Amino acid sequence: MRVLGISGSLRRGSYNHALLRRAAERLPAGVELVEFDQLREIPPYDADLEEDGSPAPAAVTALREAMREADAVLIATPEYNHSIPGALKNALDWASRPAGESALTGTPAAVIGASTGMFGAVWAQAEVRKVLGALGGRVVDEELPVSHAAQVYADGQLELSPEQTVALDGLLAELVSEVEELREGAAEQVAA
């Protein structure tokens, strides 16, 4: 099983990249997390490109293909001005196009987040879940807020509390369960 990890941060030493790495370590055997590393290369969404028949930019094509090939998507987002970082929202807008052909349709998705503030990016996580639902994703309605991330970050690692680790494990288990449920439903349809 393949989980596509997307960090909403472009920053080197990002707490959210570290949070994705922590999630990768907590996934069950047989499940791998592959991180999308081209967010910085995705240009601003431009509907004119779609309307005039121009091919999508290469990074956009890579994102769409990675989403379609993944069994699930896990996004780690910081919170900028109580909302989604612009680069992440822009990428999700591209993934939703063309209309009716979202790259996320039917795919299980979950959101986690780390921030330097006291709320752990909960507002951004809620906004990302809303956008993922609009893209047709099967959204896990759980969150993992990691607040004061600078205080628990050292040597490229984000140290989670025991409670946060339990919450992360539960969220990942639910995400994997969504994938398994989809597979079982598909197998039942084939058998019928």
N, C-alpha and C. Protein backbone atom coordinates (compact mmCIF):
# COMPACT_ATOMS: atom_id res chain seq x y z
N MET A 1 0.85 -1.18 0.00
CA MET A 1 0.00 0.00 0.00
C MET A 1 0.90 1.24 0.00
N ARG A 2 0.52 2.22 -0.83
CA ARG A 2 1.32 3.43 -0.96
C ARG A 2 0.51 4.64 -0.51
N VAL A 3 1.11 5.41 0.42
CA VAL A 3 0.53 6.66 0.88
C VAL A 3 1.36 7.79 0.31
N LEU A 4 0.72 8.73 -0.35
CA LEU A 4 1.41 9.91 -0.86
C LEU A 4 1.43 10.95 0.24
N GLY A 5 2.62 11.38 0.64
CA GLY A 5 2.76 12.41 1.65
C GLY A 5 3.04 13.75 0.98
N ILE A 6 2.32 14.78 1.40
CA ILE A 6 2.52 16.12 0.88
C ILE A 6 2.67 17.07 2.05
N SER A 7 3.80 17.76 2.09
CA SER A 7 3.99 18.81 3.09
C SER A 7 3.58 20.14 2.48
N GLY A 8 2.81 20.90 3.23
CA GLY A 8 2.37 22.21 2.76
C GLY A 8 3.41 23.30 2.95
N SER A 9 4.58 22.94 3.44
CA SER A 9 5.63 23.91 3.68
C SER A 9 6.72 23.81 2.62
N LEU A 10 7.23 24.94 2.21
CA LEU A 10 8.35 24.97 1.27
C LEU A 10 9.68 25.14 2.00
N ARG A 11 9.64 25.37 3.28
CA ARG A 11 10.82 25.72 4.07
C ARG A 11 11.73 24.53 4.30
N ARG A 12 13.05 24.78 4.13
CA ARG A 12 14.03 23.77 4.52
C ARG A 12 13.93 23.60 6.03
N GLY A 13 14.07 22.42 6.53
CA GLY A 13 13.95 22.20 7.96
C GLY A 13 12.52 22.34 8.44
N SER A 14 11.57 22.11 7.57
CA SER A 14 10.16 22.25 7.88
C SER A 14 9.72 21.27 8.96
N TYR A 15 8.95 21.77 9.92
CA TYR A 15 8.38 20.91 10.96
C TYR A 15 7.41 19.91 10.34
N ASN A 16 6.75 20.31 9.26
CA ASN A 16 5.77 19.43 8.63
C ASN A 16 6.41 18.34 7.80
N HIS A 17 7.58 18.61 7.22
CA HIS A 17 8.33 17.51 6.58
C HIS A 17 8.75 16.51 7.65
N ALA A 18 9.19 17.02 8.79
CA ALA A 18 9.58 16.14 9.90
C ALA A 18 8.38 15.35 10.41
N LEU A 19 7.21 15.97 10.43
CA LEU A 19 6.00 15.28 10.88
C LEU A 19 5.63 14.16 9.90
N LEU A 20 5.79 14.41 8.60
CA LEU A 20 5.55 13.35 7.62
C LEU A 20 6.52 12.19 7.82
N ARG A 21 7.79 12.50 8.09
CA ARG A 21 8.77 11.44 8.34
C ARG A 21 8.38 10.64 9.58
N ARG A 22 7.89 11.31 10.61
CA ARG A 22 7.45 10.61 11.82
C ARG A 22 6.26 9.70 11.48
N ALA A 23 5.35 10.19 10.68
CA ALA A 23 4.20 9.38 10.25
C ALA A 23 4.67 8.16 9.47
N ALA A 24 5.65 8.35 8.59
CA ALA A 24 6.17 7.23 7.80
C ALA A 24 6.71 6.13 8.70
N GLU A 25 7.35 6.52 9.80
CA GLU A 25 7.89 5.55 10.75
C GLU A 25 6.80 4.78 11.49
N ARG A 26 5.61 5.39 11.59
CA ARG A 26 4.52 4.80 12.37
C ARG A 26 3.55 3.97 11.52
N LEU A 27 3.72 3.99 10.21
CA LEU A 27 2.82 3.21 9.35
C LEU A 27 3.03 1.71 9.58
N PRO A 28 1.97 0.93 9.45
CA PRO A 28 2.11 -0.52 9.63
C PRO A 28 2.96 -1.15 8.53
N ALA A 29 3.43 -2.34 8.81
CA ALA A 29 4.23 -3.09 7.83
C ALA A 29 3.43 -3.22 6.53
N GLY A 30 4.13 -3.10 5.43
CA GLY A 30 3.49 -3.22 4.12
C GLY A 30 2.92 -1.92 3.59
N VAL A 31 3.04 -0.85 4.36
CA VAL A 31 2.55 0.45 3.92
C VAL A 31 3.74 1.40 3.86
N GLU A 32 3.92 2.04 2.70
CA GLU A 32 5.03 2.98 2.55
C GLU A 32 4.50 4.37 2.27
N LEU A 33 5.22 5.38 2.78
CA LEU A 33 4.90 6.76 2.50
C LEU A 33 5.92 7.29 1.51
N VAL A 34 5.43 7.84 0.41
CA VAL A 34 6.27 8.45 -0.62
C VAL A 34 5.95 9.93 -0.62
N GLU A 35 6.95 10.77 -0.38
CA GLU A 35 6.70 12.20 -0.26
C GLU A 35 6.79 12.89 -1.62
N PHE A 36 5.78 13.70 -1.92
CA PHE A 36 5.79 14.53 -3.13
C PHE A 36 6.72 15.71 -2.86
N ASP A 37 7.73 15.88 -3.70
CA ASP A 37 8.75 16.88 -3.43
C ASP A 37 8.81 18.00 -4.47
N GLN A 38 7.72 18.21 -5.20
CA GLN A 38 7.73 19.23 -6.26
C GLN A 38 6.75 20.38 -6.00
N LEU A 39 6.31 20.54 -4.77
CA LEU A 39 5.34 21.59 -4.48
C LEU A 39 5.85 22.97 -4.90
N ARG A 40 7.12 23.22 -4.65
CA ARG A 40 7.74 24.50 -4.99
C ARG A 40 7.69 24.78 -6.50
N GLU A 41 7.63 23.74 -7.31
CA GLU A 41 7.69 23.90 -8.76
C GLU A 41 6.32 24.13 -9.41
N ILE A 42 5.25 24.02 -8.65
CA ILE A 42 3.91 24.17 -9.22
C ILE A 42 3.60 25.65 -9.37
N PRO A 43 3.33 26.10 -10.61
CA PRO A 43 3.05 27.52 -10.83
C PRO A 43 1.64 27.88 -10.35
N PRO A 44 1.35 29.16 -10.24
CA PRO A 44 -0.02 29.56 -9.87
C PRO A 44 -1.03 28.99 -10.86
N TYR A 45 -2.18 28.57 -10.33
CA TYR A 45 -3.21 28.01 -11.19
C TYR A 45 -3.67 29.07 -12.19
N ASP A 46 -3.82 28.65 -13.44
CA ASP A 46 -4.23 29.54 -14.52
C ASP A 46 -5.23 28.81 -15.41
N ALA A 47 -6.50 29.18 -15.29
CA ALA A 47 -7.55 28.51 -16.07
C ALA A 47 -7.37 28.71 -17.56
N ASP A 48 -6.68 29.77 -17.97
CA ASP A 48 -6.46 30.00 -19.40
C ASP A 48 -5.68 28.85 -20.03
N LEU A 49 -4.74 28.28 -19.28
CA LEU A 49 -3.97 27.14 -19.82
C LEU A 49 -4.90 25.98 -20.15
N GLU A 50 -5.85 25.74 -19.28
CA GLU A 50 -6.80 24.65 -19.50
C GLU A 50 -7.72 24.96 -20.68
N GLU A 51 -8.19 26.19 -20.75
CA GLU A 51 -9.14 26.57 -21.80
C GLU A 51 -8.51 26.58 -23.19
N ASP A 52 -7.23 26.95 -23.29
CA ASP A 52 -6.62 26.98 -24.62
C ASP A 52 -5.98 25.65 -25.01
N GLY A 53 -6.14 24.63 -24.17
CA GLY A 53 -5.65 23.30 -24.52
C GLY A 53 -4.17 23.08 -24.27
N SER A 54 -3.53 24.01 -23.59
CA SER A 54 -2.10 23.84 -23.28
C SER A 54 -1.91 22.67 -22.32
N PRO A 55 -0.80 21.96 -22.45
CA PRO A 55 -0.55 20.88 -21.51
C PRO A 55 -0.29 21.45 -20.11
N ALA A 56 -0.65 20.69 -19.11
CA ALA A 56 -0.40 21.12 -17.73
C ALA A 56 1.10 21.18 -17.49
N PRO A 57 1.55 22.09 -16.64
CA PRO A 57 2.97 22.13 -16.29
C PRO A 57 3.43 20.77 -15.74
N ALA A 58 4.70 20.46 -15.94
CA ALA A 58 5.23 19.14 -15.57
C ALA A 58 5.00 18.80 -14.10
N ALA A 59 5.20 19.76 -13.20
CA ALA A 59 5.01 19.48 -11.76
C ALA A 59 3.55 19.20 -11.45
N VAL A 60 2.64 19.84 -12.16
CA VAL A 60 1.21 19.59 -11.98
C VAL A 60 0.87 18.18 -12.44
N THR A 61 1.39 17.79 -13.60
CA THR A 61 1.18 16.43 -14.10
C THR A 61 1.73 15.40 -13.11
N ALA A 62 2.90 15.69 -12.56
CA ALA A 62 3.50 14.78 -11.58
C ALA A 62 2.63 14.65 -10.34
N LEU A 63 2.07 15.77 -9.86
CA LEU A 63 1.18 15.73 -8.69
C LEU A 63 -0.07 14.92 -8.99
N ARG A 64 -0.70 15.19 -10.11
CA ARG A 64 -1.92 14.46 -10.47
C ARG A 64 -1.65 12.96 -10.58
N GLU A 65 -0.56 12.60 -11.23
CA GLU A 65 -0.23 11.17 -11.38
C GLU A 65 0.08 10.54 -10.02
N ALA A 66 0.82 11.25 -9.18
CA ALA A 66 1.14 10.71 -7.85
C ALA A 66 -0.12 10.50 -7.03
N MET A 67 -1.06 11.42 -7.12
CA MET A 67 -2.33 11.26 -6.39
C MET A 67 -3.13 10.08 -6.93
N ARG A 68 -3.19 9.95 -8.24
CA ARG A 68 -3.97 8.86 -8.83
C ARG A 68 -3.36 7.49 -8.56
N GLU A 69 -2.03 7.43 -8.46
CA GLU A 69 -1.35 6.15 -8.21
C GLU A 69 -1.35 5.77 -6.73
N ALA A 70 -1.57 6.73 -5.85
CA ALA A 70 -1.53 6.47 -4.41
C ALA A 70 -2.81 5.77 -3.94
N ASP A 71 -2.64 4.96 -2.94
CA ASP A 71 -3.81 4.34 -2.29
C ASP A 71 -4.46 5.31 -1.32
N ALA A 72 -3.66 6.25 -0.79
CA ALA A 72 -4.15 7.25 0.16
C ALA A 72 -3.22 8.45 0.09
N VAL A 73 -3.71 9.58 0.61
CA VAL A 73 -2.93 10.81 0.65
C VAL A 73 -2.91 11.32 2.09
N LEU A 74 -1.72 11.71 2.55
CA LEU A 74 -1.55 12.29 3.88
C LEU A 74 -0.88 13.65 3.72
N ILE A 75 -1.55 14.69 4.16
CA ILE A 75 -1.01 16.04 4.06
C ILE A 75 -0.62 16.54 5.44
N ALA A 76 0.57 17.10 5.53
CA ALA A 76 1.04 17.76 6.75
C ALA A 76 1.11 19.25 6.44
N THR A 77 0.34 20.04 7.17
CA THR A 77 0.26 21.45 6.84
C THR A 77 0.63 22.37 7.99
N PRO A 78 1.40 23.41 7.69
CA PRO A 78 1.54 24.48 8.65
C PRO A 78 0.29 25.37 8.57
N GLU A 79 0.25 26.39 9.38
CA GLU A 79 -0.89 27.31 9.35
C GLU A 79 -0.35 28.73 9.14
N TYR A 80 -0.79 29.36 8.06
CA TYR A 80 -0.39 30.72 7.77
C TYR A 80 -1.62 31.62 7.89
N ASN A 81 -1.58 32.57 8.79
CA ASN A 81 -2.70 33.49 8.99
C ASN A 81 -4.02 32.75 9.19
N HIS A 82 -3.98 31.73 10.02
CA HIS A 82 -5.15 30.93 10.40
C HIS A 82 -5.74 30.14 9.24
N SER A 83 -4.94 29.82 8.22
CA SER A 83 -5.48 29.10 7.07
C SER A 83 -4.40 28.29 6.36
N ILE A 84 -4.73 27.81 5.18
CA ILE A 84 -3.89 26.95 4.37
C ILE A 84 -2.77 27.77 3.72
N PRO A 85 -1.54 27.26 3.72
CA PRO A 85 -0.48 27.93 2.97
C PRO A 85 -0.86 28.03 1.48
N GLY A 86 -0.52 29.15 0.87
CA GLY A 86 -0.89 29.39 -0.53
C GLY A 86 -0.39 28.34 -1.50
N ALA A 87 0.84 27.89 -1.32
CA ALA A 87 1.40 26.89 -2.25
C ALA A 87 0.62 25.59 -2.19
N LEU A 88 0.20 25.19 -1.00
CA LEU A 88 -0.58 23.95 -0.86
C LEU A 88 -1.96 24.12 -1.48
N LYS A 89 -2.64 25.22 -1.18
CA LYS A 89 -3.97 25.44 -1.75
C LYS A 89 -3.90 25.48 -3.26
N ASN A 90 -2.89 26.14 -3.80
CA ASN A 90 -2.70 26.22 -5.24
C ASN A 90 -2.54 24.83 -5.85
N ALA A 91 -1.73 23.98 -5.21
CA ALA A 91 -1.51 22.62 -5.72
C ALA A 91 -2.81 21.83 -5.71
N LEU A 92 -3.59 21.98 -4.65
CA LEU A 92 -4.87 21.27 -4.58
C LEU A 92 -5.84 21.78 -5.63
N ASP A 93 -5.80 23.08 -5.91
CA ASP A 93 -6.64 23.63 -6.99
C ASP A 93 -6.27 22.99 -8.33
N TRP A 94 -4.98 22.88 -8.61
CA TRP A 94 -4.54 22.22 -9.85
C TRP A 94 -5.01 20.76 -9.88
N ALA A 95 -4.90 20.07 -8.74
CA ALA A 95 -5.28 18.65 -8.69
C ALA A 95 -6.77 18.45 -8.94
N SER A 96 -7.56 19.48 -8.70
CA SER A 96 -9.01 19.37 -8.88
C SER A 96 -9.44 19.50 -10.33
N ARG A 97 -8.54 19.90 -11.20
CA ARG A 97 -8.88 20.21 -12.58
C ARG A 97 -8.45 19.09 -13.53
N PRO A 98 -9.02 18.97 -14.71
CA PRO A 98 -10.18 19.71 -15.18
C PRO A 98 -11.42 19.35 -14.38
N ALA A 99 -12.42 20.19 -14.48
CA ALA A 99 -13.66 20.01 -13.71
C ALA A 99 -14.19 18.59 -13.90
N GLY A 100 -14.53 17.99 -12.78
CA GLY A 100 -15.08 16.63 -12.81
C GLY A 100 -14.04 15.53 -12.92
N GLU A 101 -12.76 15.89 -12.96
CA GLU A 101 -11.70 14.89 -13.11
C GLU A 101 -10.64 15.04 -12.03
N SER A 102 -11.06 15.33 -10.82
CA SER A 102 -10.12 15.50 -9.71
C SER A 102 -9.23 14.28 -9.55
N ALA A 103 -7.96 14.54 -9.30
CA ALA A 103 -7.00 13.45 -9.10
C ALA A 103 -7.21 12.73 -7.78
N LEU A 104 -8.06 13.27 -6.92
CA LEU A 104 -8.27 12.68 -5.59
C LEU A 104 -9.59 11.93 -5.47
N THR A 105 -10.41 11.93 -6.48
CA THR A 105 -11.74 11.34 -6.39
C THR A 105 -11.69 9.92 -5.84
N GLY A 106 -12.40 9.73 -4.72
CA GLY A 106 -12.53 8.41 -4.10
C GLY A 106 -11.33 7.95 -3.29
N THR A 107 -10.28 8.75 -3.21
CA THR A 107 -9.06 8.35 -2.51
C THR A 107 -9.12 8.76 -1.04
N PRO A 108 -8.83 7.84 -0.13
CA PRO A 108 -8.77 8.21 1.29
C PRO A 108 -7.68 9.25 1.52
N ALA A 109 -7.98 10.22 2.38
CA ALA A 109 -7.04 11.31 2.66
C ALA A 109 -7.16 11.75 4.11
N ALA A 110 -6.03 12.17 4.67
CA ALA A 110 -6.01 12.65 6.04
C ALA A 110 -5.06 13.83 6.14
N VAL A 111 -5.22 14.62 7.21
CA VAL A 111 -4.43 15.83 7.40
C VAL A 111 -3.88 15.86 8.82
N ILE A 112 -2.61 16.22 8.92
CA ILE A 112 -1.94 16.45 10.19
C ILE A 112 -1.24 17.80 10.09
N GLY A 113 -0.76 18.33 11.20
CA GLY A 113 -0.10 19.62 11.08
C GLY A 113 0.71 20.01 12.29
N ALA A 114 1.75 20.76 12.03
CA ALA A 114 2.62 21.29 13.08
C ALA A 114 2.80 22.78 12.86
N SER A 115 2.84 23.52 13.94
CA SER A 115 3.08 24.96 13.85
C SER A 115 3.80 25.44 15.09
N THR A 116 4.34 26.62 14.97
CA THR A 116 5.04 27.21 16.11
C THR A 116 4.07 27.80 17.12
N GLY A 117 2.82 27.98 16.75
CA GLY A 117 1.82 28.55 17.64
C GLY A 117 1.26 27.53 18.62
N MET A 118 0.32 27.98 19.41
CA MET A 118 -0.22 27.14 20.47
C MET A 118 -1.34 26.20 20.02
N PHE A 119 -1.84 26.36 18.80
CA PHE A 119 -2.96 25.53 18.37
C PHE A 119 -2.59 24.41 17.42
N GLY A 120 -1.35 24.32 16.99
CA GLY A 120 -0.91 23.20 16.17
C GLY A 120 -1.55 23.10 14.81
N ALA A 121 -1.85 24.25 14.21
CA ALA A 121 -2.39 24.29 12.84
C ALA A 121 -3.78 23.66 12.73
N VAL A 122 -4.59 23.72 13.78
CA VAL A 122 -5.91 23.09 13.71
C VAL A 122 -6.82 23.77 12.69
N TRP A 123 -6.73 25.09 12.56
CA TRP A 123 -7.59 25.76 11.57
C TRP A 123 -7.18 25.38 10.16
N ALA A 124 -5.89 25.35 9.90
CA ALA A 124 -5.41 24.96 8.58
C ALA A 124 -5.80 23.52 8.28
N GLN A 125 -5.68 22.64 9.27
CA GLN A 125 -6.07 21.25 9.05
C GLN A 125 -7.55 21.14 8.69
N ALA A 126 -8.40 21.90 9.38
CA ALA A 126 -9.83 21.88 9.07
C ALA A 126 -10.09 22.38 7.66
N GLU A 127 -9.39 23.45 7.26
CA GLU A 127 -9.56 23.99 5.91
C GLU A 127 -9.09 22.99 4.84
N VAL A 128 -7.96 22.33 5.09
CA VAL A 128 -7.46 21.35 4.12
C VAL A 128 -8.43 20.18 4.01
N ARG A 129 -8.97 19.72 5.14
CA ARG A 129 -9.96 18.62 5.07
C ARG A 129 -11.16 19.04 4.22
N LYS A 130 -11.60 20.29 4.38
CA LYS A 130 -12.73 20.79 3.59
C LYS A 130 -12.40 20.77 2.10
N VAL A 131 -11.21 21.23 1.74
CA VAL A 131 -10.79 21.25 0.33
C VAL A 131 -10.68 19.82 -0.21
N LEU A 132 -10.09 18.92 0.57
CA LEU A 132 -9.96 17.53 0.12
C LEU A 132 -11.33 16.90 -0.13
N GLY A 133 -12.30 17.24 0.71
CA GLY A 133 -13.67 16.76 0.49
C GLY A 133 -14.24 17.31 -0.81
N ALA A 134 -13.97 18.59 -1.09
CA ALA A 134 -14.44 19.19 -2.34
C ALA A 134 -13.80 18.54 -3.55
N LEU A 135 -12.58 18.00 -3.39
CA LEU A 135 -11.88 17.30 -4.47
C LEU A 135 -12.37 15.86 -4.62
N GLY A 136 -13.30 15.44 -3.78
CA GLY A 136 -13.85 14.09 -3.89
C GLY A 136 -13.11 13.05 -3.08
N GLY A 137 -12.23 13.48 -2.20
CA GLY A 137 -11.50 12.53 -1.37
C GLY A 137 -12.38 11.94 -0.27
N ARG A 138 -12.01 10.76 0.19
CA ARG A 138 -12.67 10.13 1.36
C ARG A 138 -11.87 10.59 2.58
N VAL A 139 -12.31 11.67 3.19
CA VAL A 139 -11.51 12.36 4.19
C VAL A 139 -11.71 11.79 5.59
N VAL A 140 -10.59 11.45 6.23
CA VAL A 140 -10.59 11.01 7.62
C VAL A 140 -10.83 12.26 8.46
N ASP A 141 -11.86 12.24 9.28
CA ASP A 141 -12.25 13.42 10.05
C ASP A 141 -11.56 13.42 11.41
N GLU A 142 -10.25 13.36 11.39
CA GLU A 142 -9.42 13.42 12.59
C GLU A 142 -8.33 14.44 12.32
N GLU A 143 -7.69 14.90 13.39
CA GLU A 143 -6.58 15.83 13.23
C GLU A 143 -5.47 15.46 14.20
N LEU A 144 -4.29 15.94 13.89
CA LEU A 144 -3.16 15.78 14.79
C LEU A 144 -2.47 17.14 14.89
N PRO A 145 -2.80 17.93 15.91
CA PRO A 145 -2.14 19.21 16.08
C PRO A 145 -0.85 19.06 16.88
N VAL A 146 0.23 19.57 16.32
CA VAL A 146 1.51 19.62 17.03
C VAL A 146 1.84 21.09 17.22
N SER A 147 1.60 21.57 18.43
CA SER A 147 1.84 22.98 18.73
C SER A 147 3.26 23.19 19.24
N HIS A 148 3.69 24.46 19.22
CA HIS A 148 5.03 24.82 19.68
C HIS A 148 6.10 23.90 19.08
N ALA A 149 5.99 23.67 17.79
CA ALA A 149 6.85 22.69 17.11
C ALA A 149 8.33 23.00 17.24
N ALA A 150 8.68 24.26 17.31
CA ALA A 150 10.10 24.63 17.43
C ALA A 150 10.72 24.06 18.71
N GLN A 151 9.89 23.88 19.72
CA GLN A 151 10.38 23.39 21.00
C GLN A 151 10.58 21.87 21.02
N VAL A 152 9.98 21.18 20.08
CA VAL A 152 10.11 19.71 20.05
C VAL A 152 10.84 19.23 18.79
N TYR A 153 11.52 20.16 18.12
CA TYR A 153 12.24 19.85 16.89
C TYR A 153 13.74 19.93 17.15
N ALA A 154 14.45 18.86 16.80
CA ALA A 154 15.92 18.87 16.94
C ALA A 154 16.51 17.89 15.95
N ASP A 155 17.58 18.29 15.31
CA ASP A 155 18.31 17.43 14.38
C ASP A 155 17.41 16.83 13.30
N GLY A 156 16.49 17.65 12.80
CA GLY A 156 15.61 17.19 11.73
C GLY A 156 14.48 16.29 12.18
N GLN A 157 14.34 16.10 13.47
CA GLN A 157 13.30 15.21 14.01
C GLN A 157 12.29 16.00 14.84
N LEU A 158 11.07 15.58 14.78
CA LEU A 158 10.01 16.16 15.58
C LEU A 158 9.62 15.12 16.63
N GLU A 159 9.83 15.46 17.89
CA GLU A 159 9.51 14.52 18.97
C GLU A 159 8.06 14.73 19.41
N LEU A 160 7.26 13.71 19.25
CA LEU A 160 5.86 13.78 19.65
C LEU A 160 5.69 13.29 21.07
N SER A 161 4.70 13.83 21.75
CA SER A 161 4.37 13.37 23.09
C SER A 161 3.73 11.98 22.97
N PRO A 162 3.66 11.23 24.07
CA PRO A 162 2.97 9.93 24.00
C PRO A 162 1.52 10.06 23.52
N GLU A 163 0.84 11.12 23.93
CA GLU A 163 -0.55 11.34 23.51
C GLU A 163 -0.62 11.62 22.01
N GLN A 164 0.31 12.42 21.51
CA GLN A 164 0.34 12.72 20.08
C GLN A 164 0.67 11.47 19.27
N THR A 165 1.55 10.63 19.79
CA THR A 165 1.90 9.39 19.10
C THR A 165 0.69 8.48 19.01
N VAL A 166 -0.07 8.37 20.08
CA VAL A 166 -1.30 7.55 20.07
C VAL A 166 -2.29 8.13 19.05
N ALA A 167 -2.44 9.46 19.05
CA ALA A 167 -3.36 10.09 18.09
C ALA A 167 -2.91 9.86 16.65
N LEU A 168 -1.60 9.97 16.40
CA LEU A 168 -1.07 9.74 15.05
C LEU A 168 -1.32 8.29 14.64
N ASP A 169 -1.04 7.36 15.53
CA ASP A 169 -1.28 5.94 15.22
C ASP A 169 -2.74 5.69 14.89
N GLY A 170 -3.65 6.30 15.64
CA GLY A 170 -5.08 6.13 15.38
C GLY A 170 -5.49 6.71 14.04
N LEU A 171 -4.98 7.89 13.72
CA LEU A 171 -5.30 8.53 12.44
C LEU A 171 -4.77 7.69 11.28
N LEU A 172 -3.54 7.21 11.40
CA LEU A 172 -2.97 6.37 10.33
C LEU A 172 -3.73 5.06 10.19
N ALA A 173 -4.13 4.47 11.32
CA ALA A 173 -4.91 3.22 11.27
C ALA A 173 -6.23 3.45 10.55
N GLU A 174 -6.87 4.59 10.81
CA GLU A 174 -8.13 4.88 10.13
C GLU A 174 -7.91 5.10 8.63
N LEU A 175 -6.82 5.77 8.28
CA LEU A 175 -6.51 5.98 6.87
C LEU A 175 -6.29 4.65 6.15
N VAL A 176 -5.51 3.77 6.75
CA VAL A 176 -5.25 2.45 6.17
C VAL A 176 -6.55 1.64 6.10
N SER A 177 -7.37 1.75 7.13
CA SER A 177 -8.65 1.04 7.14
C SER A 177 -9.55 1.49 5.99
N GLU A 178 -9.53 2.79 5.69
CA GLU A 178 -10.32 3.30 4.56
C GLU A 178 -9.86 2.65 3.25
N VAL A 179 -8.55 2.52 3.08
CA VAL A 179 -8.01 1.88 1.87
C VAL A 179 -8.46 0.43 1.82
N GLU A 180 -8.33 -0.27 2.93
CA GLU A 180 -8.71 -1.68 2.96
C GLU A 180 -10.20 -1.87 2.69
N GLU A 181 -11.02 -0.97 3.21
CA GLU A 181 -12.46 -1.03 2.96
C GLU A 181 -12.76 -0.86 1.47
N LEU A 182 -12.06 0.07 0.84
CA LEU A 182 -12.24 0.26 -0.60
C LEU A 182 -11.84 -0.98 -1.39
N ARG A 183 -10.71 -1.57 -0.99
CA ARG A 183 -10.25 -2.78 -1.68
C ARG A 183 -11.23 -3.93 -1.51
N GLU A 184 -11.77 -4.09 -0.31
CA GLU A 184 -12.75 -5.16 -0.07
C GLU A 184 -13.99 -4.95 -0.90
N GLY A 185 -14.45 -3.67 -0.99
CA GLY A 185 -15.62 -3.37 -1.81
C GLY A 185 -15.37 -3.67 -3.28
N ALA A 186 -14.18 -3.33 -3.76
CA ALA A 186 -13.84 -3.62 -5.16
C ALA A 186 -13.77 -5.12 -5.40
N ALA A 187 -13.22 -5.87 -4.44
CA ALA A 187 -13.12 -7.32 -4.60
C ALA A 187 -14.50 -7.97 -4.60
N GLU A 188 -15.41 -7.44 -3.78
CA GLU A 188 -16.78 -7.97 -3.75
C GLU A 188 -17.51 -7.71 -5.06
N GLN A 189 -17.26 -6.53 -5.66
CA GLN A 189 -17.90 -6.22 -6.94
C GLN A 189 -17.37 -7.14 -8.04
N VAL A 190 -16.08 -7.44 -8.02
CA VAL A 190 -15.50 -8.34 -9.02
C VAL A 190 -16.06 -9.75 -8.85
N ALA A 191 -16.20 -10.19 -7.59
CA ALA A 191 -16.70 -11.54 -7.32
C ALA A 191 -18.18 -11.67 -7.70
N ALA A 192 -18.92 -10.57 -7.61
CA ALA A 192 -20.34 -10.62 -7.94
C ALA A 192 -20.48 -10.70 -9.42
